[in-house]
């Protein structure tokens, strides 16, 4: 079976850093203001399903449509880059005509289970037992759910200025993750 606490912890920490739900609080607060309600349960469940399914069939799907993992990672780095630009500069690049709820897009995908997370899952699969990665995914989804559920309280504690500062700081962190993801994968394309 291969159940290993160390592997679960390491995989969990990698996923936690890539998902960056704490850094996404400003985006979550922003989404809640636009749509009025965040479907925490739905977003968490869909993100978990996406991650587990991608863990098993991600590489096969990418190969089937003729995309290698490196191309997928580079594309993911662009998404993260533009999200970071939105956070740092306070501009809106992603426009949804009239979002009714914030559950599947952009919360479950690409915010929680985005290209960075998917790429990380493929990398983890090469190093760790699948059961440990699944447990790490589930632990992260519980954390994601808790943050989504308490985003209103977190916003009240931090206030508008606090959210703005965190948004800019995590925008820079997200930009750095995007650059690292791009740099690590672009050389393998050529």
N, C-alpha and C. Protein backbone atom coordinates (compact mmCIF):
# COMPACT_ATOMS: atom_id res chain seq x y z
N UNK A 1 0.84 -1.20 0.00
CA UNK A 1 0.00 0.00 0.00
C UNK A 1 0.87 1.26 0.00
N UNK A 2 1.89 1.31 0.86
CA UNK A 2 2.81 2.43 0.85
C UNK A 2 2.39 3.64 1.67
N UNK A 3 1.51 3.47 2.67
CA UNK A 3 1.05 4.58 3.51
C UNK A 3 2.23 5.09 4.34
N UNK A 4 2.57 6.38 4.19
CA UNK A 4 3.76 6.94 4.83
C UNK A 4 3.49 8.38 5.27
N UNK A 5 3.56 8.62 6.58
CA UNK A 5 3.29 9.95 7.15
C UNK A 5 4.23 11.01 6.58
N UNK A 6 5.51 10.67 6.43
CA UNK A 6 6.50 11.63 5.91
C UNK A 6 6.13 12.05 4.48
N UNK A 7 5.75 11.09 3.64
CA UNK A 7 5.35 11.39 2.26
C UNK A 7 4.09 12.25 2.24
N UNK A 8 3.13 11.92 3.11
CA UNK A 8 1.88 12.69 3.19
C UNK A 8 2.20 14.13 3.58
N UNK A 9 3.07 14.30 4.60
CA UNK A 9 3.44 15.63 5.07
C UNK A 9 4.13 16.43 3.97
N UNK A 10 5.12 15.81 3.31
CA UNK A 10 5.86 16.52 2.26
C UNK A 10 4.96 16.88 1.08
N UNK A 11 4.19 15.91 0.60
CA UNK A 11 3.26 16.17 -0.52
C UNK A 11 2.24 17.22 -0.11
N UNK A 12 1.75 17.14 1.13
CA UNK A 12 0.78 18.10 1.64
C UNK A 12 1.33 19.51 1.69
N UNK A 13 2.60 19.65 2.13
CA UNK A 13 3.22 20.98 2.20
C UNK A 13 3.45 21.56 0.80
N UNK A 14 3.86 20.71 -0.14
CA UNK A 14 4.05 21.18 -1.52
C UNK A 14 2.72 21.67 -2.09
N UNK A 15 1.67 20.87 -1.92
CA UNK A 15 0.35 21.27 -2.42
C UNK A 15 -0.15 22.53 -1.73
N UNK A 16 0.09 22.63 -0.41
CA UNK A 16 -0.35 23.81 0.35
C UNK A 16 0.31 25.07 -0.21
N UNK A 17 1.61 24.98 -0.52
CA UNK A 17 2.34 26.13 -1.06
C UNK A 17 1.83 26.50 -2.45
N UNK A 18 1.55 25.50 -3.27
CA UNK A 18 1.10 25.77 -4.65
C UNK A 18 -0.35 26.26 -4.67
N UNK A 19 -1.23 25.61 -3.89
CA UNK A 19 -2.63 26.05 -3.84
C UNK A 19 -2.70 27.46 -3.26
N UNK A 20 -1.89 27.72 -2.23
CA UNK A 20 -1.76 29.05 -1.61
C UNK A 20 -3.12 29.67 -1.27
N UNK A 21 -3.93 28.91 -0.54
CA UNK A 21 -5.27 29.38 -0.19
C UNK A 21 -5.21 30.61 0.72
N UNK A 22 -4.20 30.70 1.58
CA UNK A 22 -4.05 31.88 2.45
C UNK A 22 -3.79 33.12 1.59
N UNK A 23 -2.92 32.97 0.59
CA UNK A 23 -2.63 34.07 -0.32
C UNK A 23 -3.80 34.44 -1.20
N UNK A 24 -4.74 33.51 -1.34
CA UNK A 24 -5.91 33.75 -2.19
C UNK A 24 -7.06 34.44 -1.45
N UNK A 25 -6.90 34.66 -0.15
CA UNK A 25 -7.96 35.31 0.63
C UNK A 25 -8.43 36.62 -0.01
N UNK A 26 -7.51 37.50 -0.47
CA UNK A 26 -7.99 38.73 -1.11
C UNK A 26 -8.84 38.46 -2.36
N UNK A 27 -8.47 37.45 -3.14
CA UNK A 27 -9.24 37.11 -4.33
C UNK A 27 -10.62 36.58 -3.92
N UNK A 28 -10.64 35.74 -2.88
CA UNK A 28 -11.90 35.16 -2.39
C UNK A 28 -12.83 36.27 -1.89
N UNK A 29 -12.26 37.21 -1.12
CA UNK A 29 -13.05 38.34 -0.61
C UNK A 29 -13.61 39.16 -1.77
N UNK A 30 -12.75 39.40 -2.76
CA UNK A 30 -13.13 40.15 -3.96
C UNK A 30 -14.28 39.44 -4.70
N UNK A 31 -14.16 38.13 -4.85
CA UNK A 31 -15.21 37.34 -5.52
C UNK A 31 -16.52 37.41 -4.75
N UNK A 32 -16.42 37.32 -3.42
CA UNK A 32 -17.63 37.35 -2.59
C UNK A 32 -18.35 38.69 -2.74
N UNK A 33 -17.57 39.77 -2.86
CA UNK A 33 -18.18 41.09 -3.06
C UNK A 33 -18.89 41.17 -4.40
N UNK A 34 -18.32 40.54 -5.43
CA UNK A 34 -18.91 40.58 -6.78
C UNK A 34 -20.17 39.73 -6.88
N UNK A 35 -20.13 38.52 -6.32
CA UNK A 35 -21.25 37.58 -6.51
C UNK A 35 -22.14 37.44 -5.28
N UNK A 36 -21.71 37.94 -4.14
CA UNK A 36 -22.53 37.90 -2.95
C UNK A 36 -22.42 36.65 -2.10
N UNK A 37 -22.06 35.53 -2.72
CA UNK A 37 -22.02 34.27 -1.97
C UNK A 37 -20.99 33.34 -2.59
N UNK A 38 -20.23 32.68 -1.73
CA UNK A 38 -19.26 31.70 -2.20
C UNK A 38 -19.75 30.32 -1.76
N UNK A 39 -19.84 29.42 -2.73
CA UNK A 39 -20.27 28.05 -2.42
C UNK A 39 -19.05 27.23 -2.00
N UNK A 40 -18.70 27.33 -0.72
CA UNK A 40 -17.49 26.69 -0.19
C UNK A 40 -17.48 25.19 -0.40
N UNK A 41 -18.61 24.54 -0.08
CA UNK A 41 -18.69 23.07 -0.19
C UNK A 41 -18.48 22.64 -1.63
N UNK A 42 -19.23 23.26 -2.54
CA UNK A 42 -19.17 22.89 -3.95
C UNK A 42 -17.77 23.12 -4.52
N UNK A 43 -17.18 24.27 -4.22
CA UNK A 43 -15.84 24.59 -4.71
C UNK A 43 -14.81 23.58 -4.19
N UNK A 44 -14.90 23.23 -2.91
CA UNK A 44 -13.96 22.29 -2.30
C UNK A 44 -14.09 20.90 -2.89
N UNK A 45 -15.34 20.43 -3.03
CA UNK A 45 -15.57 19.08 -3.57
C UNK A 45 -15.12 18.99 -5.02
N UNK A 46 -15.48 19.99 -5.84
CA UNK A 46 -15.09 19.98 -7.25
C UNK A 46 -13.57 20.03 -7.39
N UNK A 47 -12.90 20.87 -6.58
CA UNK A 47 -11.44 20.97 -6.63
C UNK A 47 -10.80 19.63 -6.25
N UNK A 48 -11.34 18.97 -5.21
CA UNK A 48 -10.80 17.67 -4.79
C UNK A 48 -10.97 16.64 -5.90
N UNK A 49 -12.15 16.60 -6.52
CA UNK A 49 -12.41 15.65 -7.61
C UNK A 49 -11.46 15.92 -8.78
N UNK A 50 -11.32 17.20 -9.15
CA UNK A 50 -10.41 17.57 -10.24
C UNK A 50 -8.98 17.09 -9.97
N UNK A 51 -8.52 17.31 -8.74
CA UNK A 51 -7.15 16.93 -8.39
C UNK A 51 -6.95 15.42 -8.41
N UNK A 52 -7.88 14.67 -7.82
CA UNK A 52 -7.74 13.21 -7.77
C UNK A 52 -7.83 12.62 -9.18
N UNK A 53 -8.79 13.10 -9.98
CA UNK A 53 -8.92 12.60 -11.36
C UNK A 53 -7.66 12.92 -12.15
N UNK A 54 -7.16 14.16 -12.02
CA UNK A 54 -5.96 14.55 -12.75
C UNK A 54 -4.75 13.74 -12.32
N UNK A 55 -4.70 13.38 -11.04
CA UNK A 55 -3.60 12.56 -10.52
C UNK A 55 -3.50 11.24 -11.29
N UNK A 56 -4.67 10.66 -11.59
CA UNK A 56 -4.69 9.36 -12.27
C UNK A 56 -4.62 9.44 -13.79
N UNK A 57 -5.31 10.42 -14.38
CA UNK A 57 -5.40 10.44 -15.85
C UNK A 57 -4.81 11.70 -16.50
N UNK A 58 -4.24 12.59 -15.71
CA UNK A 58 -3.72 13.86 -16.23
C UNK A 58 -2.71 13.71 -17.35
N UNK A 59 -1.68 12.91 -17.07
CA UNK A 59 -0.62 12.75 -18.07
C UNK A 59 -1.15 12.08 -19.33
N UNK A 60 -2.05 11.11 -19.17
CA UNK A 60 -2.65 10.41 -20.31
C UNK A 60 -3.47 11.38 -21.15
N UNK A 61 -4.27 12.22 -20.50
CA UNK A 61 -5.10 13.20 -21.23
C UNK A 61 -4.21 14.17 -21.99
N UNK A 62 -3.16 14.66 -21.32
CA UNK A 62 -2.25 15.60 -21.98
C UNK A 62 -1.59 14.95 -23.20
N UNK A 63 -1.14 13.70 -23.06
CA UNK A 63 -0.50 12.99 -24.18
C UNK A 63 -1.50 12.76 -25.31
N UNK A 64 -2.75 12.46 -24.93
CA UNK A 64 -3.80 12.19 -25.90
C UNK A 64 -4.05 13.39 -26.81
N UNK A 65 -4.00 14.58 -26.22
CA UNK A 65 -4.22 15.79 -27.03
C UNK A 65 -2.91 16.42 -27.50
N UNK A 66 -1.82 15.71 -27.28
CA UNK A 66 -0.53 16.13 -27.81
C UNK A 66 0.16 17.24 -27.04
N UNK A 67 -0.12 17.32 -25.75
CA UNK A 67 0.51 18.35 -24.92
C UNK A 67 1.39 17.64 -23.88
N UNK A 68 2.65 18.08 -23.78
CA UNK A 68 3.51 17.50 -22.76
C UNK A 68 3.36 18.28 -21.46
N UNK A 69 3.83 17.69 -20.38
CA UNK A 69 3.70 18.28 -19.05
C UNK A 69 4.36 19.66 -18.98
N UNK A 70 5.49 19.81 -19.66
CA UNK A 70 6.20 21.10 -19.64
C UNK A 70 5.38 22.21 -20.29
N UNK A 71 4.73 21.91 -21.40
CA UNK A 71 3.87 22.91 -22.06
C UNK A 71 2.72 23.30 -21.15
N UNK A 72 2.14 22.31 -20.48
CA UNK A 72 1.03 22.54 -19.54
C UNK A 72 1.50 23.44 -18.40
N UNK A 73 2.70 23.18 -17.90
CA UNK A 73 3.24 23.97 -16.80
C UNK A 73 3.52 25.41 -17.23
N UNK A 74 4.04 25.58 -18.45
CA UNK A 74 4.30 26.94 -18.96
C UNK A 74 2.99 27.70 -19.11
N UNK A 75 1.96 27.03 -19.65
CA UNK A 75 0.64 27.66 -19.77
C UNK A 75 0.11 28.04 -18.39
N UNK A 76 0.28 27.16 -17.41
CA UNK A 76 -0.13 27.44 -16.03
C UNK A 76 0.61 28.62 -15.45
N UNK A 77 1.89 28.77 -15.82
CA UNK A 77 2.67 29.89 -15.30
C UNK A 77 2.11 31.22 -15.82
N UNK A 78 1.58 31.22 -17.05
CA UNK A 78 0.98 32.45 -17.59
C UNK A 78 -0.30 32.82 -16.81
N UNK A 79 -1.11 31.81 -16.49
CA UNK A 79 -2.34 32.07 -15.71
C UNK A 79 -1.98 32.67 -14.36
N UNK A 80 -1.00 32.04 -13.67
CA UNK A 80 -0.57 32.55 -12.38
C UNK A 80 0.01 33.96 -12.51
N UNK A 81 0.75 34.21 -13.59
CA UNK A 81 1.35 35.51 -13.85
C UNK A 81 0.26 36.59 -13.94
N UNK A 82 -0.79 36.33 -14.71
CA UNK A 82 -1.85 37.32 -14.88
C UNK A 82 -2.67 37.52 -13.60
N UNK A 83 -2.88 36.44 -12.84
CA UNK A 83 -3.55 36.57 -11.54
C UNK A 83 -2.71 37.46 -10.62
N UNK A 84 -1.38 37.26 -10.64
CA UNK A 84 -0.48 38.06 -9.81
C UNK A 84 -0.51 39.52 -10.21
N UNK A 85 -0.52 39.79 -11.52
CA UNK A 85 -0.59 41.17 -12.02
C UNK A 85 -1.87 41.85 -11.52
N UNK A 86 -2.99 41.11 -11.56
CA UNK A 86 -4.25 41.65 -11.04
C UNK A 86 -4.10 42.04 -9.57
N UNK A 87 -3.48 41.15 -8.79
CA UNK A 87 -3.35 41.39 -7.36
C UNK A 87 -2.42 42.57 -7.05
N UNK A 88 -1.30 42.64 -7.77
CA UNK A 88 -0.31 43.67 -7.49
C UNK A 88 -0.76 45.06 -7.96
N UNK A 89 -1.26 45.13 -9.18
CA UNK A 89 -1.62 46.42 -9.77
C UNK A 89 -3.06 46.86 -9.51
N UNK A 90 -3.87 45.92 -9.01
CA UNK A 90 -5.27 46.26 -8.73
C UNK A 90 -6.10 46.45 -9.98
N UNK A 91 -5.72 45.77 -11.06
CA UNK A 91 -6.48 45.84 -12.31
C UNK A 91 -7.26 44.54 -12.48
N UNK A 92 -8.29 44.58 -13.31
CA UNK A 92 -9.07 43.37 -13.55
C UNK A 92 -8.84 42.90 -14.98
N UNK A 93 -8.18 41.75 -15.10
CA UNK A 93 -7.92 41.16 -16.41
C UNK A 93 -8.96 40.09 -16.73
N UNK A 94 -9.33 39.31 -15.69
CA UNK A 94 -10.34 38.26 -15.86
C UNK A 94 -11.70 38.90 -15.72
N UNK A 95 -12.50 38.83 -16.78
CA UNK A 95 -13.83 39.40 -16.72
C UNK A 95 -14.86 38.33 -17.04
N UNK A 96 -15.78 38.14 -16.12
CA UNK A 96 -16.89 37.23 -16.34
C UNK A 96 -18.11 38.13 -16.47
N UNK A 97 -18.87 37.98 -17.56
CA UNK A 97 -19.99 38.89 -17.84
C UNK A 97 -20.88 39.11 -16.62
N UNK A 98 -21.42 38.03 -16.10
CA UNK A 98 -22.27 38.16 -14.92
C UNK A 98 -22.20 36.88 -14.11
N UNK A 99 -21.13 36.71 -13.31
CA UNK A 99 -21.02 35.48 -12.53
C UNK A 99 -22.16 35.41 -11.51
N UNK A 100 -22.85 34.29 -11.49
CA UNK A 100 -23.96 34.14 -10.54
C UNK A 100 -23.46 33.62 -9.21
N UNK A 101 -22.51 32.70 -9.25
CA UNK A 101 -21.93 32.17 -8.03
C UNK A 101 -20.43 32.00 -8.23
N UNK A 102 -19.73 31.89 -7.15
CA UNK A 102 -18.29 31.66 -7.23
C UNK A 102 -18.00 30.28 -6.66
N UNK A 103 -18.11 29.27 -7.50
CA UNK A 103 -17.82 27.91 -7.02
C UNK A 103 -16.84 27.23 -7.97
N UNK A 104 -17.31 26.90 -9.16
CA UNK A 104 -16.48 26.15 -10.08
C UNK A 104 -15.40 27.06 -10.69
N UNK A 105 -15.82 28.09 -11.42
CA UNK A 105 -14.88 29.05 -12.01
C UNK A 105 -15.10 30.38 -11.30
N UNK A 106 -14.11 31.05 -10.82
CA UNK A 106 -12.69 30.73 -10.87
C UNK A 106 -12.16 30.08 -9.59
N UNK A 107 -13.05 29.68 -8.66
CA UNK A 107 -12.56 29.13 -7.40
C UNK A 107 -11.97 27.73 -7.52
N UNK A 108 -12.81 26.73 -7.84
CA UNK A 108 -12.32 25.36 -7.91
C UNK A 108 -11.24 25.25 -8.98
N UNK A 109 -11.50 25.88 -10.13
CA UNK A 109 -10.52 25.94 -11.20
C UNK A 109 -10.54 27.35 -11.78
N UNK A 110 -9.46 28.08 -11.89
CA UNK A 110 -8.08 27.67 -11.70
C UNK A 110 -7.46 28.03 -10.34
N UNK A 111 -8.24 28.64 -9.42
CA UNK A 111 -7.64 29.12 -8.17
C UNK A 111 -7.13 28.00 -7.27
N UNK A 112 -7.97 27.00 -6.97
CA UNK A 112 -7.56 25.92 -6.08
C UNK A 112 -6.86 24.82 -6.88
N UNK A 113 -7.55 24.27 -7.86
CA UNK A 113 -6.98 23.19 -8.68
C UNK A 113 -6.57 23.75 -10.03
N UNK A 114 -5.60 24.64 -10.02
CA UNK A 114 -5.14 25.25 -11.25
C UNK A 114 -3.99 24.50 -11.89
N UNK A 115 -3.43 25.10 -12.91
CA UNK A 115 -2.35 24.45 -13.66
C UNK A 115 -1.12 24.17 -12.78
N UNK A 116 -0.82 25.08 -11.86
CA UNK A 116 0.30 24.87 -10.95
C UNK A 116 0.08 23.65 -10.07
N UNK A 117 -1.14 23.52 -9.54
CA UNK A 117 -1.49 22.37 -8.71
C UNK A 117 -1.44 21.09 -9.54
N UNK A 118 -2.01 21.13 -10.74
CA UNK A 118 -2.03 19.94 -11.60
C UNK A 118 -0.62 19.50 -11.97
N UNK A 119 0.23 20.47 -12.29
CA UNK A 119 1.61 20.16 -12.64
C UNK A 119 2.33 19.55 -11.44
N UNK A 120 2.08 20.12 -10.25
CA UNK A 120 2.69 19.59 -9.02
C UNK A 120 2.24 18.15 -8.78
N UNK A 121 0.97 17.87 -9.03
CA UNK A 121 0.46 16.51 -8.83
C UNK A 121 1.19 15.51 -9.73
N UNK A 122 1.44 15.90 -10.98
CA UNK A 122 2.16 15.01 -11.89
C UNK A 122 3.59 14.79 -11.40
N UNK A 123 4.21 15.85 -10.87
CA UNK A 123 5.57 15.72 -10.32
C UNK A 123 5.58 14.83 -9.08
N UNK A 124 4.60 15.03 -8.20
CA UNK A 124 4.50 14.23 -6.97
C UNK A 124 4.28 12.76 -7.28
N UNK A 125 3.49 12.49 -8.32
CA UNK A 125 3.18 11.11 -8.69
C UNK A 125 4.43 10.33 -9.06
N UNK A 126 5.41 11.04 -9.61
CA UNK A 126 6.67 10.39 -9.99
C UNK A 126 7.52 10.03 -8.76
N UNK A 127 7.27 10.72 -7.64
CA UNK A 127 8.11 10.52 -6.45
C UNK A 127 7.44 9.76 -5.31
N UNK A 128 6.12 9.92 -5.16
CA UNK A 128 5.44 9.38 -3.98
C UNK A 128 4.36 8.36 -4.34
N UNK A 129 3.96 7.56 -3.34
CA UNK A 129 2.87 6.61 -3.52
C UNK A 129 1.55 7.38 -3.68
N UNK A 130 0.70 6.89 -4.56
CA UNK A 130 -0.57 7.55 -4.88
C UNK A 130 -1.44 7.75 -3.64
N UNK A 131 -1.51 6.76 -2.76
CA UNK A 131 -2.36 6.86 -1.57
C UNK A 131 -1.95 8.05 -0.70
N UNK A 132 -0.64 8.29 -0.59
CA UNK A 132 -0.14 9.41 0.23
C UNK A 132 -0.50 10.75 -0.40
N UNK A 133 -0.45 10.81 -1.73
CA UNK A 133 -0.81 12.05 -2.43
C UNK A 133 -2.30 12.33 -2.24
N UNK A 134 -3.13 11.28 -2.32
CA UNK A 134 -4.58 11.45 -2.13
C UNK A 134 -4.88 11.98 -0.73
N UNK A 135 -4.21 11.42 0.29
CA UNK A 135 -4.40 11.90 1.66
C UNK A 135 -3.97 13.36 1.76
N UNK A 136 -2.84 13.72 1.13
CA UNK A 136 -2.36 15.10 1.14
C UNK A 136 -3.37 16.04 0.46
N UNK A 137 -3.99 15.57 -0.64
CA UNK A 137 -5.02 16.36 -1.32
C UNK A 137 -6.19 16.60 -0.37
N UNK A 138 -6.65 15.54 0.29
CA UNK A 138 -7.81 15.66 1.19
C UNK A 138 -7.53 16.60 2.36
N UNK A 139 -6.33 16.53 2.93
CA UNK A 139 -5.96 17.43 4.02
C UNK A 139 -6.00 18.88 3.53
N UNK A 140 -5.45 19.12 2.34
CA UNK A 140 -5.45 20.47 1.77
C UNK A 140 -6.86 20.96 1.48
N UNK A 141 -7.73 20.07 1.01
CA UNK A 141 -9.11 20.46 0.71
C UNK A 141 -9.85 20.86 1.99
N UNK A 142 -9.56 20.18 3.10
CA UNK A 142 -10.17 20.54 4.39
C UNK A 142 -9.73 21.95 4.79
N UNK A 143 -8.44 22.26 4.61
CA UNK A 143 -7.91 23.59 4.91
C UNK A 143 -8.57 24.63 3.99
N UNK A 144 -8.64 24.30 2.68
CA UNK A 144 -9.27 25.20 1.70
C UNK A 144 -10.71 25.50 2.11
N UNK A 145 -11.46 24.45 2.46
CA UNK A 145 -12.87 24.61 2.88
C UNK A 145 -12.97 25.54 4.10
N UNK A 146 -12.09 25.32 5.08
CA UNK A 146 -12.12 26.14 6.30
C UNK A 146 -11.85 27.62 5.97
N UNK A 147 -10.89 27.87 5.08
CA UNK A 147 -10.58 29.25 4.70
C UNK A 147 -11.73 29.87 3.91
N UNK A 148 -12.31 29.11 2.97
CA UNK A 148 -13.44 29.63 2.19
C UNK A 148 -14.61 29.96 3.10
N UNK A 149 -14.88 29.05 4.05
CA UNK A 149 -16.02 29.22 4.96
C UNK A 149 -15.84 30.43 5.87
N UNK A 150 -14.59 30.70 6.28
CA UNK A 150 -14.36 31.78 7.24
C UNK A 150 -13.78 33.05 6.58
N UNK A 151 -13.89 33.16 5.26
CA UNK A 151 -13.32 34.32 4.56
C UNK A 151 -13.93 35.64 5.04
N UNK A 152 -15.22 35.63 5.40
CA UNK A 152 -15.87 36.83 5.91
C UNK A 152 -15.27 37.28 7.23
N UNK A 153 -15.04 36.32 8.14
CA UNK A 153 -14.43 36.64 9.45
C UNK A 153 -13.01 37.13 9.26
N UNK A 154 -12.27 36.46 8.37
CA UNK A 154 -10.89 36.86 8.11
C UNK A 154 -10.85 38.28 7.58
N UNK A 155 -11.79 38.62 6.70
CA UNK A 155 -11.85 39.97 6.14
C UNK A 155 -12.13 41.00 7.23
N UNK A 156 -13.06 40.68 8.15
CA UNK A 156 -13.39 41.61 9.24
C UNK A 156 -12.19 41.84 10.15
N UNK A 157 -11.43 40.76 10.42
CA UNK A 157 -10.26 40.87 11.30
C UNK A 157 -9.18 41.73 10.64
N UNK A 158 -8.92 41.49 9.35
CA UNK A 158 -7.84 42.20 8.66
C UNK A 158 -8.23 43.59 8.20
N UNK A 159 -9.52 43.79 7.88
CA UNK A 159 -9.98 45.08 7.37
C UNK A 159 -9.56 45.29 5.92
N UNK A 160 -10.08 46.37 5.33
CA UNK A 160 -9.80 46.66 3.91
C UNK A 160 -8.31 46.88 3.66
N UNK A 161 -7.65 47.63 4.54
CA UNK A 161 -6.22 47.91 4.37
C UNK A 161 -5.39 46.63 4.50
N UNK A 162 -5.72 45.82 5.49
CA UNK A 162 -5.01 44.55 5.69
C UNK A 162 -5.13 43.64 4.49
N UNK A 163 -6.36 43.54 3.95
CA UNK A 163 -6.60 42.72 2.76
C UNK A 163 -5.79 43.25 1.59
N UNK A 164 -5.75 44.57 1.44
CA UNK A 164 -5.01 45.20 0.34
C UNK A 164 -3.51 44.89 0.44
N UNK A 165 -2.96 44.99 1.64
CA UNK A 165 -1.54 44.71 1.85
C UNK A 165 -1.24 43.24 1.56
N UNK A 166 -2.07 42.33 2.11
CA UNK A 166 -1.88 40.90 1.88
C UNK A 166 -2.00 40.58 0.40
N UNK A 167 -2.96 41.22 -0.26
CA UNK A 167 -3.17 41.00 -1.69
C UNK A 167 -1.90 41.33 -2.49
N UNK A 168 -1.28 42.47 -2.16
CA UNK A 168 -0.06 42.89 -2.88
C UNK A 168 1.11 41.95 -2.55
N UNK A 169 1.27 41.61 -1.27
CA UNK A 169 2.37 40.72 -0.87
C UNK A 169 2.24 39.36 -1.56
N UNK A 170 1.04 38.77 -1.49
CA UNK A 170 0.85 37.46 -2.09
C UNK A 170 0.82 37.53 -3.62
N UNK A 171 0.52 38.70 -4.16
CA UNK A 171 0.63 38.90 -5.59
C UNK A 171 2.07 38.74 -6.04
N UNK A 172 2.99 39.32 -5.26
CA UNK A 172 4.42 39.19 -5.56
C UNK A 172 4.87 37.73 -5.39
N UNK A 173 4.38 37.05 -4.33
CA UNK A 173 4.71 35.63 -4.11
C UNK A 173 4.19 34.79 -5.28
N UNK A 174 2.97 35.06 -5.70
CA UNK A 174 2.37 34.33 -6.82
C UNK A 174 3.15 34.59 -8.11
N UNK A 175 3.60 35.82 -8.29
CA UNK A 175 4.41 36.17 -9.45
C UNK A 175 5.72 35.38 -9.44
N UNK A 176 6.32 35.26 -8.25
CA UNK A 176 7.56 34.49 -8.12
C UNK A 176 7.33 33.00 -8.44
N UNK A 177 6.20 32.45 -7.98
CA UNK A 177 5.86 31.06 -8.29
C UNK A 177 5.67 30.90 -9.80
N UNK A 178 5.02 31.88 -10.43
CA UNK A 178 4.81 31.84 -11.89
C UNK A 178 6.13 31.84 -12.63
N UNK A 179 7.04 32.71 -12.21
CA UNK A 179 8.36 32.80 -12.85
C UNK A 179 9.13 31.49 -12.67
N UNK A 180 9.07 30.94 -11.45
CA UNK A 180 9.78 29.68 -11.17
C UNK A 180 9.21 28.54 -12.01
N UNK A 181 7.89 28.45 -12.09
CA UNK A 181 7.23 27.41 -12.88
C UNK A 181 7.60 27.56 -14.35
N UNK A 182 7.62 28.81 -14.83
CA UNK A 182 7.99 29.09 -16.22
C UNK A 182 9.44 28.68 -16.48
N UNK A 183 10.35 29.15 -15.62
CA UNK A 183 11.79 28.90 -15.80
C UNK A 183 12.12 27.40 -15.72
N UNK A 184 11.45 26.69 -14.81
CA UNK A 184 11.72 25.27 -14.64
C UNK A 184 11.24 24.44 -15.83
N UNK A 185 10.28 24.92 -16.57
CA UNK A 185 9.69 24.12 -17.64
C UNK A 185 10.01 24.59 -19.06
N UNK A 186 10.35 25.87 -19.22
CA UNK A 186 10.58 26.41 -20.57
C UNK A 186 11.80 25.77 -21.22
N UNK A 187 12.86 25.48 -20.43
CA UNK A 187 14.07 24.90 -21.00
C UNK A 187 13.82 23.50 -21.56
N UNK A 188 12.84 22.79 -21.00
CA UNK A 188 12.55 21.43 -21.48
C UNK A 188 11.72 21.43 -22.75
N UNK A 189 11.22 22.60 -23.16
CA UNK A 189 10.43 22.67 -24.39
C UNK A 189 11.30 22.75 -25.63
N UNK A 190 12.55 23.23 -25.45
CA UNK A 190 13.42 23.43 -26.61
C UNK A 190 14.55 22.42 -26.65
